[in-house]
PDB file of all heavy atoms in Angstrom:
ATOM      1  N   THR A   1      20.146 -94.422  21.532  1.00  0.00           N
ATOM      2  CA  THR A   1      19.876 -94.979  20.187  1.00  0.00           C
ATOM      3  C   THR A   1      19.396 -93.892  19.229  1.00  0.00           C
ATOM      4  O   THR A   1      19.831 -93.843  18.076  1.00  0.00           O
ATOM      5  CB  THR A   1      18.826 -96.131  20.311  1.00  0.00           C
ATOM      6  OG1 THR A   1      19.303 -97.140  21.145  1.00  0.00           O
ATOM      7  CG2 THR A   1      18.525 -96.657  18.911  1.00  0.00           C
ATOM      8  N   SER A   2      18.519 -93.057  19.734  1.00  0.00           N
ATOM      9  CA  SER A   2      17.932 -92.007  18.887  1.00  0.00           C
ATOM     10  C   SER A   2      18.959 -90.918  18.542  1.00  0.00           C
ATOM     11  O   SER A   2      18.845 -90.272  17.466  1.00  0.00           O
ATOM     12  CB  SER A   2      16.701 -91.414  19.567  1.00  0.00           C
ATOM     13  OG  SER A   2      15.746 -92.387  19.841  1.00  0.00           O
ATOM     14  N   TYR A   3      19.877 -90.697  19.454  1.00  0.00           N
ATOM     15  CA  TYR A   3      20.884 -89.626  19.234  1.00  0.00           C
ATOM     16  C   TYR A   3      22.250 -90.268  19.470  1.00  0.00           C
ATOM     17  O   TYR A   3      22.945 -89.959  20.449  1.00  0.00           O
ATOM     18  CB  TYR A   3      20.638 -88.461  20.162  1.00  0.00           C
ATOM     19  CG  TYR A   3      19.275 -87.783  19.957  1.00  0.00           C
ATOM     20  CD1 TYR A   3      18.232 -88.144  20.782  1.00  0.00           C
ATOM     21  CD2 TYR A   3      19.116 -86.825  18.999  1.00  0.00           C
ATOM     22  CE1 TYR A   3      16.980 -87.518  20.610  1.00  0.00           C
ATOM     23  CE2 TYR A   3      17.891 -86.218  18.807  1.00  0.00           C
ATOM     24  CZ  TYR A   3      16.799 -86.585  19.648  1.00  0.00           C
ATOM     25  OH  TYR A   3      15.576 -85.990  19.433  1.00  0.00           O
ATOM     26  N   ALA A   4      22.631 -91.128  18.554  1.00  0.00           N
ATOM     27  CA  ALA A   4      23.863 -91.888  18.707  1.00  0.00           C
ATOM     28  C   ALA A   4      25.122 -91.044  18.495  1.00  0.00           C
ATOM     29  O   ALA A   4      26.190 -91.314  18.998  1.00  0.00           O
ATOM     30  CB  ALA A   4      23.877 -93.084  17.782  1.00  0.00           C
ATOM     31  N   SER A   5      24.964 -90.005  17.694  1.00  0.00           N
ATOM     32  CA  SER A   5      26.131 -89.194  17.330  1.00  0.00           C
ATOM     33  C   SER A   5      26.565 -88.337  18.560  1.00  0.00           C
ATOM     34  O   SER A   5      25.714 -87.900  19.340  1.00  0.00           O
ATOM     35  CB  SER A   5      25.795 -88.211  16.197  1.00  0.00           C
ATOM     36  OG  SER A   5      26.845 -87.309  16.011  1.00  0.00           O
ATOM     37  N   SER A   6      27.875 -88.206  18.751  1.00  0.00           N
ATOM     38  CA  SER A   6      28.383 -87.401  19.828  1.00  0.00           C
ATOM     39  C   SER A   6      28.457 -85.912  19.447  1.00  0.00           C
ATOM     40  O   SER A   6      28.916 -85.066  20.254  1.00  0.00           O
ATOM     41  CB  SER A   6      29.773 -87.890  20.234  1.00  0.00           C
ATOM     42  OG  SER A   6      30.673 -87.804  19.141  1.00  0.00           O
ATOM     43  N   GLY A   7      27.996 -85.584  18.258  1.00  0.00           N
ATOM     44  CA  GLY A   7      28.068 -84.227  17.807  1.00  0.00           C
ATOM     45  C   GLY A   7      27.095 -83.330  18.591  1.00  0.00           C
ATOM     46  O   GLY A   7      26.077 -83.763  19.107  1.00  0.00           O
ATOM     47  N   GLY A   8      27.359 -82.029  18.618  1.00  0.00           N
ATOM     48  CA  GLY A   8      26.592 -81.091  19.376  1.00  0.00           C
ATOM     49  C   GLY A   8      25.447 -80.550  18.569  1.00  0.00           C
ATOM     50  O   GLY A   8      25.361 -80.693  17.362  1.00  0.00           O
ATOM     51  N   GLY A   9      24.529 -79.935  19.286  1.00  0.00           N
ATOM     52  CA  GLY A   9      23.371 -79.285  18.611  1.00  0.00           C
ATOM     53  C   GLY A   9      22.389 -78.774  19.634  1.00  0.00           C
ATOM     54  O   GLY A   9      22.683 -78.792  20.876  1.00  0.00           O
ATOM     55  N   ARG A  10      21.233 -78.329  19.205  1.00  0.00           N
ATOM     56  CA  ARG A  10      20.247 -77.874  20.152  1.00  0.00           C
ATOM     57  C   ARG A  10      19.505 -79.081  20.713  1.00  0.00           C
ATOM     58  O   ARG A  10      18.967 -79.897  19.978  1.00  0.00           O
ATOM     59  CB  ARG A  10      19.228 -76.963  19.482  1.00  0.00           C
ATOM     60  CG  ARG A  10      18.270 -76.306  20.486  1.00  0.00           C
ATOM     61  CD  ARG A  10      17.489 -75.177  19.862  1.00  0.00           C
ATOM     62  NE  ARG A  10      16.434 -75.625  18.970  1.00  0.00           N
ATOM     63  CZ  ARG A  10      15.447 -74.868  18.439  1.00  0.00           C
ATOM     64  NH1 ARG A  10      15.437 -73.622  18.774  1.00  0.00           N
ATOM     65  NH2 ARG A  10      14.583 -75.382  17.614  1.00  0.00           N
ATOM     66  N   PRO A  11      19.467 -79.286  22.060  1.00  0.00           N
ATOM     67  CA  PRO A  11      18.884 -80.474  22.679  1.00  0.00           C
ATOM     68  C   PRO A  11      17.423 -80.625  22.247  1.00  0.00           C
ATOM     69  O   PRO A  11      16.642 -79.655  22.116  1.00  0.00           O
ATOM     70  CB  PRO A  11      18.976 -80.151  24.170  1.00  0.00           C
ATOM     71  CG  PRO A  11      20.205 -79.251  24.282  1.00  0.00           C
ATOM     72  CD  PRO A  11      20.120 -78.398  23.067  1.00  0.00           C
ATOM     73  N   GLU A  12      17.037 -81.868  22.075  1.00  0.00           N
ATOM     74  CA  GLU A  12      15.675 -82.220  21.694  1.00  0.00           C
ATOM     75  C   GLU A  12      15.059 -83.262  22.610  1.00  0.00           C
ATOM     76  O   GLU A  12      13.863 -83.438  22.637  1.00  0.00           O
ATOM     77  CB  GLU A  12      15.660 -82.744  20.255  1.00  0.00           C
ATOM     78  CG  GLU A  12      16.089 -81.725  19.195  1.00  0.00           C
ATOM     79  CD  GLU A  12      16.137 -82.322  17.810  1.00  0.00           C
ATOM     80  OE1 GLU A  12      15.866 -83.543  17.696  1.00  0.00           O
ATOM     81  OE2 GLU A  12      16.426 -81.552  16.844  1.00  0.00           O
ATOM     82  N   GLY A  13      15.907 -84.062  23.289  1.00  0.00           N
ATOM     83  CA  GLY A  13      15.431 -85.143  24.104  1.00  0.00           C
ATOM     84  C   GLY A  13      16.187 -85.219  25.427  1.00  0.00           C
ATOM     85  O   GLY A  13      17.283 -84.633  25.584  1.00  0.00           O
ATOM     86  N   PHE A  14      15.543 -85.862  26.421  1.00  0.00           N
ATOM     87  CA  PHE A  14      16.218 -85.998  27.722  1.00  0.00           C
ATOM     88  C   PHE A  14      15.886 -87.337  28.318  1.00  0.00           C
ATOM     89  O   PHE A  14      14.866 -87.987  27.981  1.00  0.00           O
ATOM     90  CB  PHE A  14      15.813 -84.877  28.649  1.00  0.00           C
ATOM     91  CG  PHE A  14      14.412 -85.033  29.193  1.00  0.00           C
ATOM     92  CD1 PHE A  14      14.163 -85.604  30.493  1.00  0.00           C
ATOM     93  CD2 PHE A  14      13.339 -84.584  28.515  1.00  0.00           C
ATOM     94  CE1 PHE A  14      12.922 -85.705  30.999  1.00  0.00           C
ATOM     95  CE2 PHE A  14      12.017 -84.683  29.030  1.00  0.00           C
ATOM     96  CZ  PHE A  14      11.804 -85.278  30.268  1.00  0.00           C
ATOM     97  N   SER A  15      16.654 -87.740  29.332  1.00  0.00           N
ATOM     98  CA  SER A  15      16.378 -88.940  30.135  1.00  0.00           C
ATOM     99  C   SER A  15      16.871 -88.668  31.542  1.00  0.00           C
ATOM    100  O   SER A  15      17.579 -87.685  31.814  1.00  0.00           O
ATOM    101  CB  SER A  15      17.024 -90.189  29.552  1.00  0.00           C
ATOM    102  OG  SER A  15      16.529 -91.313  30.206  1.00  0.00           O
ATOM    103  N   ILE A  16      16.457 -89.537  32.478  1.00  0.00           N
ATOM    104  CA  ILE A  16      16.863 -89.381  33.873  1.00  0.00           C
ATOM    105  C   ILE A  16      17.863 -90.492  34.194  1.00  0.00           C
ATOM    106  O   ILE A  16      17.574 -91.641  33.999  1.00  0.00           O
ATOM    107  CB  ILE A  16      15.683 -89.439  34.843  1.00  0.00           C
ATOM    108  CG1 ILE A  16      14.617 -88.432  34.465  1.00  0.00           C
ATOM    109  CG2 ILE A  16      16.140 -89.241  36.291  1.00  0.00           C
ATOM    110  CD1 ILE A  16      15.095 -86.979  34.525  1.00  0.00           C
ATOM    111  N   VAL A  17      19.015 -90.095  34.669  1.00  0.00           N
ATOM    112  CA  VAL A  17      20.055 -91.053  35.049  1.00  0.00           C
ATOM    113  C   VAL A  17      20.549 -90.713  36.475  1.00  0.00           C
ATOM    114  O   VAL A  17      21.240 -89.752  36.678  1.00  0.00           O
ATOM    115  CB  VAL A  17      21.271 -90.995  34.080  1.00  0.00           C
ATOM    116  CG1 VAL A  17      22.316 -92.066  34.532  1.00  0.00           C
ATOM    117  CG2 VAL A  17      20.843 -91.273  32.651  1.00  0.00           C
ATOM    118  N   GLY A  18      20.035 -91.510  37.423  1.00  0.00           N
ATOM    119  CA  GLY A  18      20.348 -91.182  38.809  1.00  0.00           C
ATOM    120  C   GLY A  18      19.858 -89.835  39.232  1.00  0.00           C
ATOM    121  O   GLY A  18      18.679 -89.512  39.123  1.00  0.00           O
ATOM    122  N   LYS A  19      20.756 -88.970  39.729  1.00  0.00           N
ATOM    123  CA  LYS A  19      20.407 -87.672  40.186  1.00  0.00           C
ATOM    124  C   LYS A  19      20.600 -86.600  39.123  1.00  0.00           C
ATOM    125  O   LYS A  19      20.584 -85.419  39.353  1.00  0.00           O
ATOM    126  CB  LYS A  19      21.210 -87.260  41.417  1.00  0.00           C
ATOM    127  CG  LYS A  19      20.933 -88.173  42.636  1.00  0.00           C
ATOM    128  CD  LYS A  19      21.757 -87.744  43.834  1.00  0.00           C
ATOM    129  CE  LYS A  19      21.470 -88.636  45.042  1.00  0.00           C
ATOM    130  NZ  LYS A  19      22.278 -88.209  46.215  1.00  0.00           N
ATOM    131  N   GLU A  20      20.841 -87.078  37.836  1.00  0.00           N
ATOM    132  CA  GLU A  20      21.112 -86.106  36.770  1.00  0.00           C
ATOM    133  C   GLU A  20      20.155 -86.307  35.588  1.00  0.00           C
ATOM    134  O   GLU A  20      19.516 -87.368  35.454  1.00  0.00           O
ATOM    135  CB  GLU A  20      22.549 -86.295  36.286  1.00  0.00           C
ATOM    136  CG  GLU A  20      23.590 -85.984  37.305  1.00  0.00           C
ATOM    137  CD  GLU A  20      25.018 -86.202  36.745  1.00  0.00           C
ATOM    138  OE1 GLU A  20      25.251 -87.341  36.303  1.00  0.00           O
ATOM    139  OE2 GLU A  20      25.792 -85.249  36.808  1.00  0.00           O
ATOM    140  N   MET A  21      20.039 -85.262  34.809  1.00  0.00           N
ATOM    141  CA  MET A  21      19.260 -85.350  33.557  1.00  0.00           C
ATOM    142  C   MET A  21      20.320 -85.404  32.421  1.00  0.00           C
ATOM    143  O   MET A  21      21.248 -84.617  32.387  1.00  0.00           O
ATOM    144  CB  MET A  21      18.404 -84.112  33.398  1.00  0.00           C
ATOM    145  CG  MET A  21      17.586 -84.094  32.123  1.00  0.00           C
ATOM    146  SD  MET A  21      16.395 -82.708  32.033  1.00  0.00           S
ATOM    147  CE  MET A  21      15.228 -83.223  33.313  1.00  0.00           C
ATOM    148  N   LYS A  22      20.077 -86.396  31.526  1.00  0.00           N
ATOM    149  CA  LYS A  22      20.943 -86.534  30.350  1.00  0.00           C
ATOM    150  C   LYS A  22      20.255 -85.936  29.177  1.00  0.00           C
ATOM    151  O   LYS A  22      19.043 -86.181  28.941  1.00  0.00           O
ATOM    152  CB  LYS A  22      21.219 -88.002  30.092  1.00  0.00           C
ATOM    153  CG  LYS A  22      22.240 -88.271  28.986  1.00  0.00           C
ATOM    154  CD  LYS A  22      22.487 -89.748  28.895  1.00  0.00           C
ATOM    155  CE  LYS A  22      23.518 -90.078  27.776  1.00  0.00           C
ATOM    156  NZ  LYS A  22      23.841 -91.516  27.713  1.00  0.00           N
ATOM    157  N   ILE A  23      20.934 -85.113  28.404  1.00  0.00           N
ATOM    158  CA  ILE A  23      20.352 -84.371  27.286  1.00  0.00           C
ATOM    159  C   ILE A  23      21.070 -84.671  25.980  1.00  0.00           C
ATOM    160  O   ILE A  23      22.282 -84.769  25.901  1.00  0.00           O
ATOM    161  CB  ILE A  23      20.487 -82.838  27.595  1.00  0.00           C
ATOM    162  CG1 ILE A  23      19.919 -82.519  28.973  1.00  0.00           C
ATOM    163  CG2 ILE A  23      19.776 -82.020  26.525  1.00  0.00           C
ATOM    164  CD1 ILE A  23      20.425 -81.234  29.560  1.00  0.00           C
ATOM    165  N   ARG A  24      20.277 -84.833  24.967  1.00  0.00           N
ATOM    166  CA  ARG A  24      20.773 -85.087  23.604  1.00  0.00           C
ATOM    167  C   ARG A  24      19.992 -84.269  22.566  1.00  0.00           C
ATOM    168  O   ARG A  24      18.785 -84.099  22.758  1.00  0.00           O
ATOM    169  CB  ARG A  24      20.720 -86.562  23.267  1.00  0.00           C
ATOM    170  CG  ARG A  24      21.709 -87.452  24.000  1.00  0.00           C
ATOM    171  CD  ARG A  24      23.142 -87.235  23.463  1.00  0.00           C
ATOM    172  NE  ARG A  24      24.100 -88.068  24.195  1.00  0.00           N
ATOM    173  CZ  ARG A  24      24.431 -89.297  23.858  1.00  0.00           C
ATOM    174  NH1 ARG A  24      23.904 -89.841  22.774  1.00  0.00           N
ATOM    175  NH2 ARG A  24      25.308 -89.993  24.552  1.00  0.00           N
ATOM    176  N   PRO A  25      20.592 -83.830  21.503  1.00  0.00           N
ATOM    177  CA  PRO A  25      22.018 -83.783  21.243  1.00  0.00           C
ATOM    178  C   PRO A  25      22.795 -83.075  22.364  1.00  0.00           C
ATOM    179  O   PRO A  25      22.192 -82.255  23.083  1.00  0.00           O
ATOM    180  CB  PRO A  25      22.150 -83.063  19.926  1.00  0.00           C
ATOM    181  CG  PRO A  25      20.803 -83.224  19.261  1.00  0.00           C
ATOM    182  CD  PRO A  25      19.835 -83.200  20.402  1.00  0.00           C
ATOM    183  N   VAL A  26      24.056 -83.350  22.496  1.00  0.00           N
ATOM    184  CA  VAL A  26      24.875 -82.640  23.445  1.00  0.00           C
ATOM    185  C   VAL A  26      24.801 -81.150  23.178  1.00  0.00           C
ATOM    186  O   VAL A  26      24.986 -80.711  21.990  1.00  0.00           O
ATOM    187  CB  VAL A  26      26.324 -83.131  23.380  1.00  0.00           C
ATOM    188  CG1 VAL A  26      27.221 -82.379  24.374  1.00  0.00           C
ATOM    189  CG2 VAL A  26      26.407 -84.615  23.601  1.00  0.00           C
ATOM    190  N   PRO A  27      24.498 -80.313  24.169  1.00  0.00           N
ATOM    191  CA  PRO A  27      24.369 -78.900  23.922  1.00  0.00           C
ATOM    192  C   PRO A  27      25.603 -78.301  23.262  1.00  0.00           C
ATOM    193  O   PRO A  27      26.734 -78.565  23.582  1.00  0.00           O
ATOM    194  CB  PRO A  27      24.201 -78.300  25.349  1.00  0.00           C
ATOM    195  CG  PRO A  27      23.684 -79.438  26.171  1.00  0.00           C
ATOM    196  CD  PRO A  27      24.333 -80.663  25.602  1.00  0.00           C
ATOM    197  N   ASP A  28      25.304 -77.451  22.247  1.00  0.00           N
ATOM    198  CA  ASP A  28      26.395 -76.784  21.549  1.00  0.00           C
ATOM    199  C   ASP A  28      26.421 -75.281  21.929  1.00  0.00           C
ATOM    200  O   ASP A  28      27.164 -74.491  21.300  1.00  0.00           O
ATOM    201  CB  ASP A  28      26.197 -76.888  20.017  1.00  0.00           C
ATOM    202  CG  ASP A  28      24.918 -76.211  19.539  1.00  0.00           C
ATOM    203  OD1 ASP A  28      24.082 -75.814  20.373  1.00  0.00           O
ATOM    204  OD2 ASP A  28      24.731 -76.158  18.306  1.00  0.00           O
ATOM    205  N   ASP A  29      25.668 -74.911  22.961  1.00  0.00           N
ATOM    206  CA  ASP A  29      25.632 -73.527  23.376  1.00  0.00           C
ATOM    207  C   ASP A  29      25.083 -73.485  24.822  1.00  0.00           C
ATOM    208  O   ASP A  29      24.638 -74.489  25.331  1.00  0.00           O
ATOM    209  CB  ASP A  29      24.707 -72.701  22.451  1.00  0.00           C
ATOM    210  CG  ASP A  29      24.981 -71.190  22.528  1.00  0.00           C
ATOM    211  OD1 ASP A  29      25.830 -70.806  23.390  1.00  0.00           O
ATOM    212  OD2 ASP A  29      24.430 -70.478  21.701  1.00  0.00           O
ATOM    213  N   ALA A  30      25.190 -72.324  25.389  1.00  0.00           N
ATOM    214  CA  ALA A  30      24.730 -72.148  26.788  1.00  0.00           C
ATOM    215  C   ALA A  30      23.247 -71.850  26.822  1.00  0.00           C
ATOM    216  O   ALA A  30      22.844 -70.725  27.205  1.00  0.00           O
ATOM    217  CB  ALA A  30      25.534 -71.057  27.482  1.00  0.00           C
ATOM    218  N   TYR A  31      22.459 -72.829  26.472  1.00  0.00           N
ATOM    219  CA  TYR A  31      20.983 -72.659  26.468  1.00  0.00           C
ATOM    220  C   TYR A  31      20.423 -72.549  27.907  1.00  0.00           C
ATOM    221  O   TYR A  31      20.972 -73.149  28.846  1.00  0.00           O
ATOM    222  CB  TYR A  31      20.320 -73.836  25.793  1.00  0.00           C
ATOM    223  CG  TYR A  31      20.703 -74.074  24.357  1.00  0.00           C
ATOM    224  CD1 TYR A  31      21.646 -75.023  24.011  1.00  0.00           C
ATOM    225  CD2 TYR A  31      20.109 -73.324  23.317  1.00  0.00           C
ATOM    226  CE1 TYR A  31      21.989 -75.210  22.682  1.00  0.00           C
ATOM    227  CE2 TYR A  31      20.421 -73.532  22.014  1.00  0.00           C
ATOM    228  CZ  TYR A  31      21.365 -74.490  21.685  1.00  0.00           C
ATOM    229  OH  TYR A  31      21.713 -74.700  20.387  1.00  0.00           O
ATOM    230  N   THR A  32      19.334 -71.810  28.062  1.00  0.00           N
ATOM    231  CA  THR A  32      18.624 -71.745  29.311  1.00  0.00           C
ATOM    232  C   THR A  32      17.500 -72.784  29.267  1.00  0.00           C
ATOM    233  O   THR A  32      16.629 -72.757  28.436  1.00  0.00           O
ATOM    234  CB  THR A  32      18.035 -70.339  29.582  1.00  0.00           C
ATOM    235  OG1 THR A  32      19.061 -69.412  29.617  1.00  0.00           O
ATOM    236  CG2 THR A  32      17.235 -70.329  30.889  1.00  0.00           C
ATOM    237  N   MET A  33      17.593 -73.750  30.183  1.00  0.00           N
ATOM    238  CA  MET A  33      16.648 -74.791  30.284  1.00  0.00           C
ATOM    239  C   MET A  33      15.756 -74.651  31.475  1.00  0.00           C
ATOM    240  O   MET A  33      16.158 -74.210  32.561  1.00  0.00           O
ATOM    241  CB  MET A  33      17.318 -76.187  30.356  1.00  0.00           C
ATOM    242  CG  MET A  33      16.350 -77.361  30.249  1.00  0.00           C
ATOM    243  SD  MET A  33      17.244 -78.960  30.202  1.00  0.00           S
ATOM    244  CE  MET A  33      17.731 -79.097  31.898  1.00  0.00           C
ATOM    245  N   GLU A  34      14.459 -74.959  31.295  1.00  0.00           N
ATOM    246  CA  GLU A  34      13.479 -74.833  32.412  1.00  0.00           C
ATOM    247  C   GLU A  34      12.834 -76.214  32.597  1.00  0.00           C
ATOM    248  O   GLU A  34      12.392 -76.875  31.681  1.00  0.00           O
ATOM    249  CB  GLU A  34      12.406 -73.805  32.090  1.00  0.00           C
ATOM    250  CG  GLU A  34      11.355 -73.654  33.145  1.00  0.00           C
ATOM    251  CD  GLU A  34      10.346 -72.530  32.838  1.00  0.00           C
ATOM    252  OE1 GLU A  34      10.816 -71.494  32.277  1.00  0.00           O
ATOM    253  OE2 GLU A  34       9.152 -72.700  33.136  1.00  0.00           O
ATOM    254  N   ILE A  35      12.781 -76.577  33.883  1.00  0.00           N
ATOM    255  CA  ILE A  35      12.134 -77.887  34.260  1.00  0.00           C
ATOM    256  C   ILE A  35      10.907 -77.550  35.087  1.00  0.00           C
ATOM    257  O   ILE A  35      10.988 -76.835  36.099  1.00  0.00           O
ATOM    258  CB  ILE A  35      13.096 -78.766  35.074  1.00  0.00           C
ATOM    259  CG1 ILE A  35      14.384 -79.048  34.312  1.00  0.00           C
ATOM    260  CG2 ILE A  35      12.425 -80.113  35.449  1.00  0.00           C
ATOM    261  CD1 ILE A  35      15.422 -79.794  35.144  1.00  0.00           C
ATOM    262  N   VAL A  36       9.796 -78.050  34.696  1.00  0.00           N
ATOM    263  CA  VAL A  36       8.540 -77.985  35.476  1.00  0.00           C
ATOM    264  C   VAL A  36       8.369 -79.315  36.096  1.00  0.00           C
ATOM    265  O   VAL A  36       8.344 -80.346  35.385  1.00  0.00           O
ATOM    266  CB  VAL A  36       7.311 -77.590  34.583  1.00  0.00           C
ATOM    267  CG1 VAL A  36       6.048 -77.537  35.493  1.00  0.00           C
ATOM    268  CG2 VAL A  36       7.542 -76.236  33.897  1.00  0.00           C
ATOM    269  N   TYR A  37       8.282 -79.383  37.422  1.00  0.00           N
ATOM    270  CA  TYR A  37       8.265 -80.676  38.079  1.00  0.00           C
ATOM    271  C   TYR A  37       7.432 -80.696  39.357  1.00  0.00           C
ATOM    272  O   TYR A  37       7.008 -79.614  39.847  1.00  0.00           O
ATOM    273  CB  TYR A  37       9.733 -81.080  38.438  1.00  0.00           C
ATOM    274  CG  TYR A  37      10.374 -80.297  39.511  1.00  0.00           C
ATOM    275  CD1 TYR A  37      10.442 -80.713  40.848  1.00  0.00           C
ATOM    276  CD2 TYR A  37      10.963 -79.044  39.237  1.00  0.00           C
ATOM    277  CE1 TYR A  37      11.023 -79.975  41.841  1.00  0.00           C
ATOM    278  CE2 TYR A  37      11.566 -78.320  40.241  1.00  0.00           C
ATOM    279  CZ  TYR A  37      11.619 -78.774  41.495  1.00  0.00           C
ATOM    280  OH  TYR A  37      12.227 -78.023  42.498  1.00  0.00           O
ATOM    281  N   ILE A  38       7.126 -81.890  39.853  1.00  0.00           N
ATOM    282  CA  ILE A  38       6.499 -82.066  41.133  1.00  0.00           C
ATOM    283  C   ILE A  38       7.585 -82.309  42.190  1.00  0.00           C
ATOM    284  O   ILE A  38       8.386 -83.232  42.013  1.00  0.00           O
ATOM    285  CB  ILE A  38       5.527 -83.238  41.111  1.00  0.00           C
ATOM    286  CG1 ILE A  38       4.377 -82.992  40.149  1.00  0.00           C
ATOM    287  CG2 ILE A  38       4.953 -83.497  42.523  1.00  0.00           C
ATOM    288  CD1 ILE A  38       3.489 -81.819  40.561  1.00  0.00           C
ATOM    289  N   GLY A  39       7.621 -81.493  43.199  1.00  0.00           N
ATOM    290  CA  GLY A  39       8.595 -81.623  44.254  1.00  0.00           C
ATOM    291  C   GLY A  39       7.982 -81.961  45.591  1.00  0.00           C
ATOM    292  O   GLY A  39       6.770 -82.286  45.669  1.00  0.00           O
ATOM    293  N   SER A  40       8.732 -81.918  46.620  1.00  0.00           N
ATOM    294  CA  SER A  40       8.264 -82.208  47.948  1.00  0.00           C
ATOM    295  C   SER A  40       7.423 -81.062  48.489  1.00  0.00           C
ATOM    296  O   SER A  40       7.532 -79.902  48.088  1.00  0.00           O
ATOM    297  CB  SER A  40       9.424 -82.468  48.916  1.00  0.00           C
ATOM    298  OG  SER A  40      10.224 -83.520  48.462  1.00  0.00           O
ATOM    299  N   LEU A  41       6.561 -81.391  49.486  1.00  0.00           N
ATOM    300  CA  LEU A  41       5.803 -80.372  50.200  1.00  0.00           C
ATOM    301  C   LEU A  41       6.717 -79.573  51.084  1.00  0.00           C
ATOM    302  O   LEU A  41       7.663 -80.088  51.621  1.00  0.00           O
ATOM    303  CB  LEU A  41       4.728 -81.031  51.048  1.00  0.00           C
ATOM    304  CG  LEU A  41       3.453 -81.513  50.385  1.00  0.00           C
ATOM    305  CD1 LEU A  41       2.630 -82.348  51.344  1.00  0.00           C
ATOM    306  CD2 LEU A  41       2.612 -80.320  49.874  1.00  0.00           C
ATOM    307  N   GLU A  42       6.419 -78.297  51.218  1.00  0.00           N
ATOM    308  CA  GLU A  42       7.126 -77.511  52.215  1.00  0.00           C
ATOM    309  C   GLU A  42       6.755 -77.987  53.611  1.00  0.00           C
ATOM    310  O   GLU A  42       5.615 -78.255  53.939  1.00  0.00           O
ATOM    311  CB  GLU A  42       6.704 -76.013  52.056  1.00  0.00           C
ATOM    312  CG  GLU A  42       7.355 -75.080  53.080  1.00  0.00           C
ATOM    313  CD  GLU A  42       6.808 -73.684  52.994  1.00  0.00           C
ATOM    314  OE1 GLU A  42       5.753 -73.485  52.382  1.00  0.00           O
ATOM    315  OE2 GLU A  42       7.468 -72.740  53.529  1.00  0.00           O
TER     316      GLU A  42
END
């Protein structure tokens, strides 16, 4: 709803869909993204 346009741009928002992250606006370049997260214990 917030990013209804299919046009590209620099991403500003994300959501989680299954095993993937969905990003909007759709990336218009090969940006380097960093995720800080809580994972499993070794």
